[in-house]
Amino acid sequence: MELPAKATQPTMYFIGVTTSQSSIMKLFPQWAQCLNLKEAVLKGIDIEIHAPHSVYREVVDFIKNDPLSLGALVTTHKIDLFEACRDMFDYLDPYAQLFGELSSISKVDGRLEGHAKDPISSGLAMEAFIPPQFWKDHGGEVFIMGAGGSARAIAAYLFDPKKKGNTPSRLFVSNRTTPRLLRMKEIMEIINPEISAEYIHSPEPTVNDQILSKLKPYSLVVNATGLGKDRPGSPLTDRCVFPLHSLVWELNYRGDLLFMHQALAQRESRKLHVEDGWLYFIHGWTQVIAQVFHIDIDAETFARIESISHAFRKSS
């Protein structure tokens, strides 16, 4: 990891793993024009997955103390960065404190602030493809592979007690290691202690195949592992069978997207709706940009950004 030079103009950072490969690096200048942020620039900071705490602290210290470094969007490292740097923030929003992760770093009057925006951005993305009464009408379940920040946010949105009567009938969460599974269980018991849930250690994809095979029709299956983007592969094997009439959500929009291709291969035979992470990507970025630059992105402005983004994706 190499820190950028001191900023000479209003600068936002993208803290990730392979930031140069993200569409945001080419989209940001177009968005900045749309949002009247004409002098603002975006720079990537690549950090290896599960880097030492000292690396995260060095990055946060740089942003905190460099006047024209206004903030950052964090992906992949949301939990690790929070755990390493929580004491460096003057304010952490309730979601960041509850989920133990953050996706947004910003500054207000010299104070460093951390926000977890995924509960908002994931909810907005899901509202676009999950029918309004889907759970009430069909009684399906949700299976989330991965127990990181995005997984926690998605489950929290789906099982919000305010949605009583229109939530999935059961939650399944799998992860390759157990500490994050246990933490997610603790979080969900705080958010909604009445849900029926299983948290399964899945060191091999065959375990996920087995869970998938037991799901009810009209369920939601989510790849929140990062596999297919930061690392190649899928949390499922090619022998997996998706539940009939289900929704399949690949949170990634770039990479080998093997999970999405596995679902697309069964789309007709299993009557699936397959969604990638493109709209989630747009919502995630606009939520953090609004926080970092202290601007309001209303529905009309978001529609323009979405149109710019879709045109870019179609041409690239």
C-alpha atoms as a PDB file:
ATOM      1  CA  MET A   1       0.000   0.000   0.000  1.00  0.00           C
ATOM      2  CA  GLU A   2       1.314   3.430  -0.979  1.00  0.00           C
ATOM      3  CA  LEU A   3      -0.239   6.612   0.361  1.00  0.00           C
ATOM      4  CA  PRO A   4      -1.131   9.286  -2.206  1.00  0.00           C
ATOM      5  CA  ALA A   5       0.619  12.652  -2.225  1.00  0.00           C
ATOM      6  CA  LYS A   6      -0.859  15.540  -0.291  1.00  0.00           C
ATOM      7  CA  ALA A   7      -4.046  16.690  -2.045  1.00  0.00           C
ATOM      8  CA  THR A   8      -3.875  19.948  -4.006  1.00  0.00           C
ATOM      9  CA  GLN A   9      -7.603  20.078  -4.843  1.00  0.00           C
ATOM     10  CA  PRO A  10     -10.757  18.700  -3.193  1.00  0.00           C
ATOM     11  CA  THR A  11     -10.112  14.952  -3.180  1.00  0.00           C
ATOM     12  CA  MET A  12     -12.193  11.893  -2.335  1.00  0.00           C
ATOM     13  CA  TYR A  13     -10.571   8.475  -2.022  1.00  0.00           C
ATOM     14  CA  PHE A  14     -11.680   4.983  -2.943  1.00  0.00           C
ATOM     15  CA  ILE A  15     -10.276   2.493  -0.447  1.00  0.00           C
ATOM     16  CA  GLY A  16     -10.462  -0.964  -1.996  1.00  0.00           C
ATOM     17  CA  VAL A  17      -8.428  -3.806  -3.472  1.00  0.00           C
ATOM     18  CA  THR A  18      -8.357  -3.259  -7.242  1.00  0.00           C
ATOM     19  CA  THR A  19      -9.685   0.289  -7.474  1.00  0.00           C
ATOM     20  CA  SER A  20      -8.262   1.075 -10.915  1.00  0.00           C
ATOM     21  CA  GLN A  21     -10.529  -1.605 -12.407  1.00  0.00           C
ATOM     22  CA  SER A  22     -13.704  -0.010 -11.064  1.00  0.00           C
ATOM     23  CA  SER A  23     -16.009   1.894 -13.393  1.00  0.00           C
ATOM     24  CA  ILE A  24     -16.178   4.712 -10.848  1.00  0.00           C
ATOM     25  CA  MET A  25     -12.717   5.902 -11.865  1.00  0.00           C
ATOM     26  CA  LYS A  26     -14.094   6.870 -15.292  1.00  0.00           C
ATOM     27  CA  LEU A  27     -17.598   7.746 -14.119  1.00  0.00           C
ATOM     28  CA  PHE A  28     -16.646  10.084 -11.303  1.00  0.00           C
ATOM     29  CA  PRO A  29     -15.619  13.019 -13.552  1.00  0.00           C
ATOM     30  CA  GLN A  30     -18.987  12.785 -15.338  1.00  0.00           C
ATOM     31  CA  TRP A  31     -20.867  12.578 -12.044  1.00  0.00           C
ATOM     32  CA  ALA A  32     -18.845  15.496 -10.656  1.00  0.00           C
ATOM     33  CA  GLN A  33     -19.957  17.660 -13.582  1.00  0.00           C
ATOM     34  CA  CYS A  34     -23.583  16.649 -12.978  1.00  0.00           C
ATOM     35  CA  LEU A  35     -23.250  17.447  -9.259  1.00  0.00           C
ATOM     36  CA  ASN A  36     -21.374  20.725  -9.837  1.00  0.00           C
ATOM     37  CA  LEU A  37     -18.249  19.345  -8.143  1.00  0.00           C
ATOM     38  CA  LYS A  38     -16.058  20.465 -11.002  1.00  0.00           C
ATOM     39  CA  GLU A  39     -12.777  20.774  -9.090  1.00  0.00           C
ATOM     40  CA  ALA A  40     -13.176  17.482  -7.217  1.00  0.00           C
ATOM     41  CA  VAL A  41     -11.117  14.393  -8.044  1.00  0.00           C
ATOM     42  CA  LEU A  42     -11.235  10.744  -6.999  1.00  0.00           C
ATOM     43  CA  LYS A  43      -8.126   8.704  -6.191  1.00  0.00           C
ATOM     44  CA  GLY A  44      -7.820   5.002  -5.406  1.00  0.00           C
ATOM     45  CA  ILE A  45      -5.974   3.473  -2.462  1.00  0.00           C
ATOM     46  CA  ASP A  46      -5.410  -0.273  -2.888  1.00  0.00           C
ATOM     47  CA  ILE A  47      -4.958  -2.344   0.260  1.00  0.00           C
ATOM     48  CA  GLU A  48      -4.547  -6.105   0.485  1.00  0.00           C
ATOM     49  CA  ILE A  49      -7.490  -7.983   1.994  1.00  0.00           C
ATOM     50  CA  HIS A  50      -7.259  -8.238   5.823  1.00  0.00           C
ATOM     51  CA  ALA A  51      -4.220  -5.975   5.974  1.00  0.00           C
ATOM     52  CA  PRO A  52      -2.488  -5.229   9.310  1.00  0.00           C
ATOM     53  CA  HIS A  53      -4.215  -2.652  11.511  1.00  0.00           C
ATOM     54  CA  SER A  54      -1.259  -0.299  11.067  1.00  0.00           C
ATOM     55  CA  VAL A  55      -2.006   0.007   7.343  1.00  0.00           C
ATOM     56  CA  TYR A  56      -5.607   1.095   7.905  1.00  0.00           C
ATOM     57  CA  ARG A  57      -4.547   3.538  10.604  1.00  0.00           C
ATOM     58  CA  GLU A  58      -1.969   5.101   8.309  1.00  0.00           C
ATOM     59  CA  VAL A  59      -4.594   5.702   5.612  1.00  0.00           C
ATOM     60  CA  VAL A  60      -7.169   7.139   8.005  1.00  0.00           C
ATOM     61  CA  ASP A  61      -4.548   9.370   9.646  1.00  0.00           C
ATOM     62  CA  PHE A  62      -3.559  10.749   6.235  1.00  0.00           C
ATOM     63  CA  ILE A  63      -7.182  11.592   5.318  1.00  0.00           C
ATOM     64  CA  LYS A  64      -7.868  13.047   8.749  1.00  0.00           C
ATOM     65  CA  ASN A  65      -4.917  15.440   8.684  1.00  0.00           C
ATOM     66  CA  ASP A  66      -4.712  16.439   5.015  1.00  0.00           C
ATOM     67  CA  PRO A  67      -6.927  19.548   4.539  1.00  0.00           C
ATOM     68  CA  LEU A  68      -8.038  18.906   0.948  1.00  0.00           C
ATOM     69  CA  SER A  69      -8.581  15.164   1.493  1.00  0.00           C
ATOM     70  CA  LEU A  70     -12.308  15.341   2.182  1.00  0.00           C
ATOM     71  CA  GLY A  71     -13.169  11.688   2.764  1.00  0.00           C
ATOM     72  CA  ALA A  72     -13.454   8.242   1.239  1.00  0.00           C
ATOM     73  CA  LEU A  73     -15.663   5.379   0.213  1.00  0.00           C
ATOM     74  CA  VAL A  74     -14.578   2.081   1.727  1.00  0.00           C
ATOM     75  CA  THR A  75     -15.289  -1.279   0.120  1.00  0.00           C
ATOM     76  CA  THR A  76     -14.066  -4.783   1.030  1.00  0.00           C
ATOM     77  CA  HIS A  77     -12.266  -3.351   4.094  1.00  0.00           C
ATOM     78  CA  LYS A  78     -15.376  -2.009   5.879  1.00  0.00           C
ATOM     79  CA  ILE A  79     -15.075  -4.220   8.957  1.00  0.00           C
ATOM     80  CA  ASP A  80     -11.283  -4.384   9.139  1.00  0.00           C
ATOM     81  CA  LEU A  81     -10.920  -0.612   8.868  1.00  0.00           C
ATOM     82  CA  PHE A  82     -13.563  -0.040  11.539  1.00  0.00           C
ATOM     83  CA  GLU A  83     -11.906  -2.462  13.935  1.00  0.00           C
ATOM     84  CA  ALA A  84      -8.473  -0.922  13.374  1.00  0.00           C
ATOM     85  CA  CYS A  85      -9.461   2.746  13.463  1.00  0.00           C
ATOM     86  CA  ARG A  86     -12.671   3.264  15.423  1.00  0.00           C
ATOM     87  CA  ASP A  87     -10.842   5.290  18.093  1.00  0.00           C
ATOM     88  CA  MET A  88      -9.618   7.753  15.435  1.00  0.00           C
ATOM     89  CA  PHE A  89     -13.133   8.958  14.597  1.00  0.00           C
ATOM     90  CA  ASP A  90     -14.874  11.811  16.365  1.00  0.00           C
ATOM     91  CA  TYR A  91     -18.282  10.472  15.333  1.00  0.00           C
ATOM     92  CA  LEU A  92     -19.586   7.067  14.232  1.00  0.00           C
ATOM     93  CA  ASP A  93     -23.205   6.815  13.153  1.00  0.00           C
ATOM     94  CA  PRO A  94     -25.542   4.279  14.833  1.00  0.00           C
ATOM     95  CA  TYR A  95     -25.335   1.836  11.898  1.00  0.00           C
ATOM     96  CA  ALA A  96     -21.521   1.880  11.993  1.00  0.00           C
ATOM     97  CA  GLN A  97     -21.549   1.198  15.726  1.00  0.00           C
ATOM     98  CA  LEU A  98     -24.135  -1.583  15.494  1.00  0.00           C
ATOM     99  CA  PHE A  99     -22.694  -3.343  12.447  1.00  0.00           C
ATOM    100  CA  GLY A 100     -19.056  -2.785  13.388  1.00  0.00           C
ATOM    101  CA  GLU A 101     -18.207  -1.488   9.919  1.00  0.00           C
ATOM    102  CA  LEU A 102     -18.130   1.698   7.899  1.00  0.00           C
ATOM    103  CA  SER A 103     -18.315   2.537   4.210  1.00  0.00           C
ATOM    104  CA  SER A 104     -17.991   6.316   4.397  1.00  0.00           C
ATOM    105  CA  ILE A 105     -15.295   8.572   5.825  1.00  0.00           C
ATOM    106  CA  SER A 106     -16.041  12.300   5.868  1.00  0.00           C
ATOM    107  CA  LYS A 107     -15.118  15.494   7.712  1.00  0.00           C
ATOM    108  CA  VAL A 108     -17.274  18.216   9.293  1.00  0.00           C
ATOM    109  CA  ASP A 109     -15.708  21.269  10.922  1.00  0.00           C
ATOM    110  CA  GLY A 110     -12.485  19.380  11.551  1.00  0.00           C
ATOM    111  CA  ARG A 111     -14.241  16.301  12.965  1.00  0.00           C
ATOM    112  CA  LEU A 112     -13.669  12.923  11.336  1.00  0.00           C
ATOM    113  CA  GLU A 113     -16.916  11.021  10.845  1.00  0.00           C
ATOM    114  CA  GLY A 114     -17.656   7.419   9.871  1.00  0.00           C
ATOM    115  CA  HIS A 115     -20.948   6.188   8.460  1.00  0.00           C
ATOM    116  CA  ALA A 116     -22.275   2.784   7.419  1.00  0.00           C
ATOM    117  CA  LYS A 117     -24.290   3.552   4.305  1.00  0.00           C
ATOM    118  CA  ASP A 118     -24.987  -0.019   3.183  1.00  0.00           C
ATOM    119  CA  PRO A 119     -28.314  -0.348   5.043  1.00  0.00           C
ATOM    120  CA  ILE A 120     -29.569   2.573   2.947  1.00  0.00           C
ATOM    121  CA  SER A 121     -27.937   1.755  -0.407  1.00  0.00           C
ATOM    122  CA  SER A 122     -28.709  -1.979  -0.277  1.00  0.00           C
ATOM    123  CA  GLY A 123     -32.322  -1.219   0.615  1.00  0.00           C
ATOM    124  CA  LEU A 124     -32.689   1.158  -2.320  1.00  0.00           C
ATOM    125  CA  ALA A 125     -31.151  -1.431  -4.653  1.00  0.00           C
ATOM    126  CA  MET A 126     -33.462  -4.211  -3.411  1.00  0.00           C
ATOM    127  CA  GLU A 127     -36.551  -2.032  -3.744  1.00  0.00           C
ATOM    128  CA  ALA A 128     -35.802  -1.856  -7.469  1.00  0.00           C
ATOM    129  CA  PHE A 129     -36.098  -5.616  -8.085  1.00  0.00           C
ATOM    130  CA  ILE A 130     -37.986  -7.222  -5.179  1.00  0.00           C
ATOM    131  CA  PRO A 131     -41.769  -6.854  -5.717  1.00  0.00           C
ATOM    132  CA  PRO A 132     -43.432  -4.873  -2.899  1.00  0.00           C
ATOM    133  CA  GLN A 133     -45.373  -7.797  -1.390  1.00  0.00           C
ATOM    134  CA  PHE A 134     -42.990 -10.566  -2.449  1.00  0.00           C
ATOM    135  CA  TRP A 135     -42.456 -12.087   1.006  1.00  0.00           C
ATOM    136  CA  LYS A 136     -46.066 -11.727   2.112  1.00  0.00           C
ATOM    137  CA  ASP A 137     -47.347 -13.297  -1.106  1.00  0.00           C
ATOM    138  CA  HIS A 138     -44.907 -16.221  -1.356  1.00  0.00           C
ATOM    139  CA  GLY A 139     -43.324 -16.950   2.056  1.00  0.00           C
ATOM    140  CA  GLY A 140     -39.855 -17.478   0.629  1.00  0.00           C
ATOM    141  CA  GLU A 141     -36.547 -17.503   2.491  1.00  0.00           C
ATOM    142  CA  VAL A 142     -33.258 -15.635   2.102  1.00  0.00           C
ATOM    143  CA  PHE A 143     -29.806 -17.175   1.849  1.00  0.00           C
ATOM    144  CA  ILE A 144     -26.853 -14.786   2.155  1.00  0.00           C
ATOM    145  CA  MET A 145     -23.394 -16.143   1.452  1.00  0.00           C
ATOM    146  CA  GLY A 146     -20.901 -13.997   3.325  1.00  0.00           C
ATOM    147  CA  ALA A 147     -21.183 -12.295   6.712  1.00  0.00           C
ATOM    148  CA  GLY A 148     -19.386  -9.006   6.092  1.00  0.00           C
ATOM    149  CA  GLY A 149     -20.719  -5.467   6.027  1.00  0.00           C
ATOM    150  CA  SER A 150     -22.981  -5.841   2.988  1.00  0.00           C
ATOM    151  CA  ALA A 151     -24.460  -9.100   4.290  1.00  0.00           C
ATOM    152  CA  ARG A 152     -25.280  -7.507   7.641  1.00  0.00           C
ATOM    153  CA  ALA A 153     -26.884  -4.504   5.977  1.00  0.00           C
ATOM    154  CA  ILE A 154     -29.011  -6.613   3.614  1.00  0.00           C
ATOM    155  CA  ALA A 155     -30.286  -8.839   6.425  1.00  0.00           C
ATOM    156  CA  ALA A 156     -31.046  -5.824   8.611  1.00  0.00           C
ATOM    157  CA  TYR A 157     -33.083  -4.246   5.828  1.00  0.00           C
ATOM    158  CA  LEU A 158     -35.002  -7.414   4.972  1.00  0.00           C
ATOM    159  CA  PHE A 159     -35.844  -8.258   8.580  1.00  0.00           C
ATOM    160  CA  ASP A 160     -36.632  -4.764   9.824  1.00  0.00           C
ATOM    161  CA  PRO A 161     -39.388  -5.281  12.438  1.00  0.00           C
ATOM    162  CA  LYS A 162     -41.332  -2.440  10.809  1.00  0.00           C
ATOM    163  CA  LYS A 163     -41.894  -4.761   7.841  1.00  0.00           C
ATOM    164  CA  LYS A 164     -43.819  -7.249   9.990  1.00  0.00           C
ATOM    165  CA  GLY A 165     -45.871  -9.531   7.761  1.00  0.00           C
ATOM    166  CA  ASN A 166     -43.701  -8.854   4.719  1.00  0.00           C
ATOM    167  CA  THR A 167     -40.311 -10.335   5.637  1.00  0.00           C
ATOM    168  CA  PRO A 168     -38.647 -13.577   4.524  1.00  0.00           C
ATOM    169  CA  SER A 169     -39.824 -16.632   6.461  1.00  0.00           C
ATOM    170  CA  ARG A 170     -36.264 -17.652   7.367  1.00  0.00           C
ATOM    171  CA  LEU A 171     -32.684 -16.409   7.165  1.00  0.00           C
ATOM    172  CA  PHE A 172     -29.688 -18.546   6.248  1.00  0.00           C
ATOM    173  CA  VAL A 173     -26.198 -17.045   6.450  1.00  0.00           C
ATOM    174  CA  SER A 174     -23.000 -18.892   5.574  1.00  0.00           C
ATOM    175  CA  ASN A 175     -19.379 -17.849   5.852  1.00  0.00           C
ATOM    176  CA  ARG A 176     -15.975 -19.490   5.470  1.00  0.00           C
ATOM    177  CA  THR A 177     -14.892 -18.413   8.971  1.00  0.00           C
ATOM    178  CA  THR A 178     -16.877 -18.390  12.201  1.00  0.00           C
ATOM    179  CA  PRO A 179     -16.072 -15.059  13.989  1.00  0.00           C
ATOM    180  CA  ARG A 180     -18.037 -12.945  11.514  1.00  0.00           C
ATOM    181  CA  LEU A 181     -20.895 -15.432  11.570  1.00  0.00           C
ATOM    182  CA  LEU A 182     -21.137 -15.134  15.343  1.00  0.00           C
ATOM    183  CA  ARG A 183     -21.003 -11.353  15.166  1.00  0.00           C
ATOM    184  CA  MET A 184     -23.735 -11.261  12.527  1.00  0.00           C
ATOM    185  CA  LYS A 185     -25.904 -13.492  14.720  1.00  0.00           C
ATOM    186  CA  GLU A 186     -25.448 -11.055  17.610  1.00  0.00           C
ATOM    187  CA  ILE A 187     -26.379  -8.105  15.399  1.00  0.00           C
ATOM    188  CA  MET A 188     -29.495  -9.756  13.987  1.00  0.00           C
ATOM    189  CA  GLU A 189     -30.692 -10.760  17.450  1.00  0.00           C
ATOM    190  CA  ILE A 190     -30.540  -7.077  18.395  1.00  0.00           C
ATOM    191  CA  ILE A 191     -32.304  -5.912  15.221  1.00  0.00           C
ATOM    192  CA  ASN A 192     -35.067  -8.517  15.254  1.00  0.00           C
ATOM    193  CA  PRO A 193     -34.940 -11.223  17.951  1.00  0.00           C
ATOM    194  CA  GLU A 194     -38.042 -12.914  16.518  1.00  0.00           C
ATOM    195  CA  ILE A 195     -36.585 -14.055  13.215  1.00  0.00           C
ATOM    196  CA  SER A 196     -35.907 -17.689  12.407  1.00  0.00           C
ATOM    197  CA  ALA A 197     -32.269 -17.937  11.385  1.00  0.00           C
ATOM    198  CA  GLU A 198     -29.362 -20.328  10.858  1.00  0.00           C
ATOM    199  CA  TYR A 199     -25.702 -19.328  10.709  1.00  0.00           C
ATOM    200  CA  ILE A 200     -23.630 -21.985   8.987  1.00  0.00           C
ATOM    201  CA  HIS A 201     -19.871 -22.416   8.758  1.00  0.00           C
ATOM    202  CA  SER A 202     -19.134 -23.161   5.098  1.00  0.00           C
ATOM    203  CA  PRO A 203     -15.423 -23.750   4.480  1.00  0.00           C
ATOM    204  CA  GLU A 204     -16.263 -25.443   1.159  1.00  0.00           C
ATOM    205  CA  PRO A 205     -18.737 -24.465  -1.614  1.00  0.00           C
ATOM    206  CA  THR A 206     -20.438 -27.854  -1.296  1.00  0.00           C
ATOM    207  CA  VAL A 207     -21.869 -26.713   2.047  1.00  0.00           C
ATOM    208  CA  ASN A 208     -23.536 -23.784   0.298  1.00  0.00           C
ATOM    209  CA  ASP A 209     -24.879 -26.144  -2.371  1.00  0.00           C
ATOM    210  CA  GLN A 210     -26.568 -28.164   0.366  1.00  0.00           C
ATOM    211  CA  ILE A 211     -28.189 -25.091   1.924  1.00  0.00           C
ATOM    212  CA  LEU A 212     -29.336 -23.898  -1.493  1.00  0.00           C
ATOM    213  CA  SER A 213     -30.994 -27.239  -2.248  1.00  0.00           C
ATOM    214  CA  LYS A 214     -33.236 -26.912   0.827  1.00  0.00           C
ATOM    215  CA  LEU A 215     -34.553 -23.405   0.144  1.00  0.00           C
ATOM    216  CA  LYS A 216     -38.224 -22.834  -0.582  1.00  0.00           C
ATOM    217  CA  PRO A 217     -39.362 -21.536  -3.967  1.00  0.00           C
ATOM    218  CA  TYR A 218     -39.603 -17.722  -4.234  1.00  0.00           C
ATOM    219  CA  SER A 219     -36.500 -17.177  -2.139  1.00  0.00           C
ATOM    220  CA  LEU A 220     -33.631 -14.677  -2.416  1.00  0.00           C
ATOM    221  CA  VAL A 221     -30.050 -15.912  -2.862  1.00  0.00           C
ATOM    222  CA  VAL A 222     -27.231 -13.392  -2.389  1.00  0.00           C
ATOM    223  CA  ASN A 223     -23.517 -13.584  -3.120  1.00  0.00           C
ATOM    224  CA  ALA A 224     -22.013 -11.208  -0.545  1.00  0.00           C
ATOM    225  CA  THR A 225     -18.655 -12.990  -0.369  1.00  0.00           C
ATOM    226  CA  GLY A 226     -16.632 -10.836  -2.770  1.00  0.00           C
ATOM    227  CA  LEU A 227     -15.843 -13.954  -4.798  1.00  0.00           C
ATOM    228  CA  GLY A 228     -16.127 -13.131  -8.465  1.00  0.00           C
ATOM    229  CA  LYS A 229     -14.658  -9.634  -8.042  1.00  0.00           C
ATOM    230  CA  ASP A 230     -11.715  -9.217  -5.669  1.00  0.00           C
ATOM    231  CA  ARG A 231     -10.982 -12.928  -5.949  1.00  0.00           C
ATOM    232  CA  PRO A 232     -12.036 -15.282  -8.746  1.00  0.00           C
ATOM    233  CA  GLY A 233     -14.637 -17.979  -8.221  1.00  0.00           C
ATOM    234  CA  SER A 234     -18.043 -18.551  -6.686  1.00  0.00           C
ATOM    235  CA  PRO A 235     -19.339 -19.640  -3.268  1.00  0.00           C
ATOM    236  CA  LEU A 236     -21.278 -22.380  -5.100  1.00  0.00           C
ATOM    237  CA  THR A 237     -20.187 -25.303  -7.275  1.00  0.00           C
ATOM    238  CA  ASP A 238     -21.410 -25.834 -10.818  1.00  0.00           C
ATOM    239  CA  ARG A 239     -23.615 -28.636  -9.479  1.00  0.00           C
ATOM    240  CA  CYS A 240     -25.759 -26.241  -7.461  1.00  0.00           C
ATOM    241  CA  VAL A 241     -29.518 -26.042  -8.050  1.00  0.00           C
ATOM    242  CA  PHE A 242     -31.341 -22.765  -7.398  1.00  0.00           C
ATOM    243  CA  PRO A 243     -34.851 -22.789  -5.908  1.00  0.00           C
ATOM    244  CA  LEU A 244     -37.710 -22.264  -8.364  1.00  0.00           C
ATOM    245  CA  HIS A 245     -39.078 -18.767  -8.999  1.00  0.00           C
ATOM    246  CA  SER A 246     -36.344 -17.171  -6.942  1.00  0.00           C
ATOM    247  CA  LEU A 247     -34.405 -13.924  -6.994  1.00  0.00           C
ATOM    248  CA  VAL A 248     -30.628 -14.209  -7.350  1.00  0.00           C
ATOM    249  CA  TRP A 249     -28.481 -11.207  -6.442  1.00  0.00           C
ATOM    250  CA  GLU A 250     -24.830 -10.990  -7.394  1.00  0.00           C
ATOM    251  CA  LEU A 251     -23.505  -7.978  -5.462  1.00  0.00           C
ATOM    252  CA  ASN A 252     -20.585  -7.638  -7.874  1.00  0.00           C
ATOM    253  CA  TYR A 253     -20.826  -6.004 -11.279  1.00  0.00           C
ATOM    254  CA  ARG A 254     -17.242  -6.671 -12.446  1.00  0.00           C
ATOM    255  CA  GLY A 255     -14.823  -9.576 -12.266  1.00  0.00           C
ATOM    256  CA  ASP A 256     -15.399 -13.117 -13.481  1.00  0.00           C
ATOM    257  CA  LEU A 257     -18.942 -13.079 -11.957  1.00  0.00           C
ATOM    258  CA  LEU A 258     -19.012 -16.874 -11.848  1.00  0.00           C
ATOM    259  CA  PHE A 259     -21.908 -16.933  -9.368  1.00  0.00           C
ATOM    260  CA  MET A 260     -24.039 -14.823 -11.707  1.00  0.00           C
ATOM    261  CA  HIS A 261     -23.194 -17.019 -14.679  1.00  0.00           C
ATOM    262  CA  GLN A 262     -24.201 -20.104 -12.667  1.00  0.00           C
ATOM    263  CA  ALA A 263     -27.570 -18.484 -12.014  1.00  0.00           C
ATOM    264  CA  LEU A 264     -28.011 -17.326 -15.618  1.00  0.00           C
ATOM    265  CA  ALA A 265     -27.427 -20.904 -16.796  1.00  0.00           C
ATOM    266  CA  GLN A 266     -30.512 -21.923 -14.772  1.00  0.00           C
ATOM    267  CA  ARG A 267     -32.585 -18.799 -15.389  1.00  0.00           C
ATOM    268  CA  GLU A 268     -35.040 -20.406 -17.777  1.00  0.00           C
ATOM    269  CA  SER A 269     -35.276 -23.874 -16.243  1.00  0.00           C
ATOM    270  CA  ARG A 270     -35.640 -22.597 -12.655  1.00  0.00           C
ATOM    271  CA  LYS A 271     -37.631 -19.424 -13.520  1.00  0.00           C
ATOM    272  CA  LEU A 272     -35.093 -17.095 -11.876  1.00  0.00           C
ATOM    273  CA  HIS A 273     -34.720 -13.345 -11.789  1.00  0.00           C
ATOM    274  CA  VAL A 274     -30.973 -12.587 -11.829  1.00  0.00           C
ATOM    275  CA  GLU A 275     -29.713  -9.186 -10.687  1.00  0.00           C
ATOM    276  CA  ASP A 276     -26.134  -7.928 -10.666  1.00  0.00           C
ATOM    277  CA  GLY A 277     -24.608  -5.246  -8.433  1.00  0.00           C
ATOM    278  CA  TRP A 278     -24.716  -2.295 -10.833  1.00  0.00           C
ATOM    279  CA  LEU A 279     -27.592  -0.368  -9.230  1.00  0.00           C
ATOM    280  CA  TYR A 280     -26.196  -1.178  -5.771  1.00  0.00           C
ATOM    281  CA  PHE A 281     -22.889   0.270  -6.972  1.00  0.00           C
ATOM    282  CA  ILE A 282     -24.585   3.517  -8.055  1.00  0.00           C
ATOM    283  CA  HIS A 283     -26.578   3.879  -4.823  1.00  0.00           C
ATOM    284  CA  GLY A 284     -23.538   3.043  -2.714  1.00  0.00           C
ATOM    285  CA  TRP A 285     -21.389   5.675  -4.366  1.00  0.00           C
ATOM    286  CA  THR A 286     -23.992   8.440  -4.470  1.00  0.00           C
ATOM    287  CA  GLN A 287     -24.782   7.964  -0.778  1.00  0.00           C
ATOM    288  CA  VAL A 288     -21.115   8.391   0.163  1.00  0.00           C
ATOM    289  CA  ILE A 289     -20.449  11.235  -2.301  1.00  0.00           C
ATOM    290  CA  ALA A 290     -23.366  13.145  -0.770  1.00  0.00           C
ATOM    291  CA  GLN A 291     -21.850  12.613   2.691  1.00  0.00           C
ATOM    292  CA  VAL A 292     -18.279  13.513   1.740  1.00  0.00           C
ATOM    293  CA  PHE A 293     -19.159  16.685  -0.199  1.00  0.00           C
ATOM    294  CA  HIS A 294     -22.145  17.631   1.985  1.00  0.00           C
ATOM    295  CA  ILE A 295     -24.598  17.878  -0.884  1.00  0.00           C
ATOM    296  CA  ASP A 296     -28.152  16.671  -1.437  1.00  0.00           C
ATOM    297  CA  ILE A 297     -28.754  14.257  -4.306  1.00  0.00           C
ATOM    298  CA  ASP A 298     -32.487  14.417  -4.936  1.00  0.00           C
ATOM    299  CA  ALA A 299     -34.501  11.995  -7.063  1.00  0.00           C
ATOM    300  CA  GLU A 300     -34.141  14.082 -10.219  1.00  0.00           C
ATOM    301  CA  THR A 301     -30.369  14.361  -9.834  1.00  0.00           C
ATOM    302  CA  PHE A 302     -30.044  10.659  -9.081  1.00  0.00           C
ATOM    303  CA  ALA A 303     -32.015   9.871 -12.244  1.00  0.00           C
ATOM    304  CA  ARG A 304     -29.490  11.915 -14.268  1.00  0.00           C
ATOM    305  CA  ILE A 305     -26.584  10.087 -12.629  1.00  0.00           C
ATOM    306  CA  GLU A 306     -28.265   6.741 -13.313  1.00  0.00           C
ATOM    307  CA  SER A 307     -28.769   7.702 -16.971  1.00  0.00           C
ATOM    308  CA  ILE A 308     -25.097   8.762 -17.295  1.00  0.00           C
ATOM    309  CA  SER A 309     -24.017   5.484 -15.682  1.00  0.00           C
ATOM    310  CA  HIS A 310     -26.168   3.241 -17.862  1.00  0.00           C
ATOM    311  CA  ALA A 311     -24.970   5.029 -21.023  1.00  0.00           C
ATOM    312  CA  PHE A 312     -21.369   4.543 -19.885  1.00  0.00           C
ATOM    313  CA  ARG A 313     -21.927   0.850 -19.146  1.00  0.00           C
ATOM    314  CA  LYS A 314     -23.605   0.279 -22.504  1.00  0.00           C
ATOM    315  CA  SER A 315     -20.699   1.861 -24.385  1.00  0.00           C
ATOM    316  CA  SER A 316     -17.900   0.246 -22.420  1.00  0.00           C
END
